Every structure is written in C-alpha cells, then in structure tokens.
Amino acid sequence: MRTKYKNMIDDFSSYGIELSDRQLEQFNAYYELLIKWNEVMNLTAITDFDDVCKLHFVDSISACQYFDFSSKDYSLIDIGTGAGFPGIPLKIVFPNLHITLLDSLNKRLNFLNEVIDTLELNEKGSIKTLHGRAEDYSQPKEGSLRETFDIAVSRAVANMSTLSEYCLPYVKVGGSFIAYKSEKASEELENAKGAIHLLGGKLLSSDEFLLPGTDVCRTICIVNKKENTSKKYPRKAGTPSKQPL
C-alpha cells in the first residue's frame, strides 16, 4: 500500500502531513469507488491513479498550507462538492472537522453517501450530504443554515464574485471562506473586491503555488467574514451566476 502511494505520501509530507495506513486505505477505497461510479455517471475526467492522487486528493488538501484545519473542531460546508472535492479528502486527513457536502445533483450525493459509509467517515454524525443549490439553504429565514459555519470551501465552481455570494452567507462572523482556484486569480480577485465587501467579507490572503512535482498552478484565496451578510443576499437561485455582483 505505501509503495503504491509513495508519490502521494511524499506530496502530503511536503505539506507537513504524515498519512497513516488507515488514511491510505481510505484514499484507496475512495479512488476505487470514484472509478466504479464514473463508469455510469460523470464524476471526473481524470481517472489515472497517479493523476487522481495528485490533481484531486493532494489538491484538495493544499489549503492546509495557509489554514490550520487541525486547530479546532471546525464546522465546514463544501459548496458544490461534486465528487467530494475538497470535502472528503479534508475529512480523511482532518477527522476533527464537521463537514456538510452540498450539491445540486442527487446522483452525486448517492455516490458520496456510499463513500462516507465505505470509508467509515461518519463518526458521531460528523459528515453529511445536503441536496440543493448554493442559494437554497442560506436565505434569511427560520431553519436556514445562514451564518452557521466556521468555514465554507469551494473548488473550481464559479468566478470569485459569484462564489462569494454562494459561500459567504453560510459563514459566521469571524469565520473564513476558502476558495480553491485552478489558475492565477489576481484579475478575478480584483473584479470581486466589491462583491466580497458587500457580502461582509475581507480578503485576507491570495497565494499562488505549484502542486508538488508539477508545473500546475493553483491559487488559494482566504476571505475573513467581518460583518453579517445583508439580508438581500444571496439573491434568488440562478441570479449570482448570471449577474455577478
């Protein structure tokens, strides 16, 4: 097992993370389920074992270079989680996290529920799936998940303005929104400054880096939630993507 995962072990070590045999078994089971389900539904275009490890698993953990997920038992929502990235790898590596995986496609959530069961991730109810659009559960109404999470994360879902409107309403004042961007994001961030401010956030950092052993560029953007989000946001479903702030 450790020989098979040598490259990923080395990549995680470069982030200061030493994977246990149990965690390697979980990543292996995750990969096998991903490939199995990918035969009947579109989960990922990346299927080579080493590529999945590098471009999905390691990439999902990369934010740990800039945010200490292990420092407390954070509540975290993964907006538009898709095949579970970055939420599932974060849960494997940081089992202290209490994670909600939100996605608009029920078929993907069926896949994720099997992953959660097979990997035995749901100790004490600390990970769950949620079906709906990003705008659905953060409206200012009774029973909403609005401003109930320490952290919101999202990976390769939308431009930064739209993504901020999806994510910041879920974050408590004092919490963080962490955006995984697949390329240099300086222009995108510049265009999103007004939206971030309008939604109660302030950009803390934006860090470009290469995935270990590659020339693949990534950017991690961290936004602090400074004020409550105005009740005007998020706007009705579909509007943030069609008319970014």
Foldseek 3Di string as FASTA:
>chain_A
DCVVCVVLQVLVVVLVAHDDPLLVVLVVVLLVLCVVVCVPPPQDPDNDPVCCSQVFLSLLCVCCSPDPPQPALFEEEEAQCRLNGPNVSCCSRRVSYQYEYEHADVVSQVSVVVSCVVSVSCVPNRYHYDHDHLQPQLQPDPPGLFQVGQEYEYEPDAQPLLVLLSTLRNHHQQHKYKYKAQADCPVSVVVNCVSQVQQQKDWDDKDWDARPPDPGIIIITMIHRHDHGPSCTDPPPPCCRVPGD
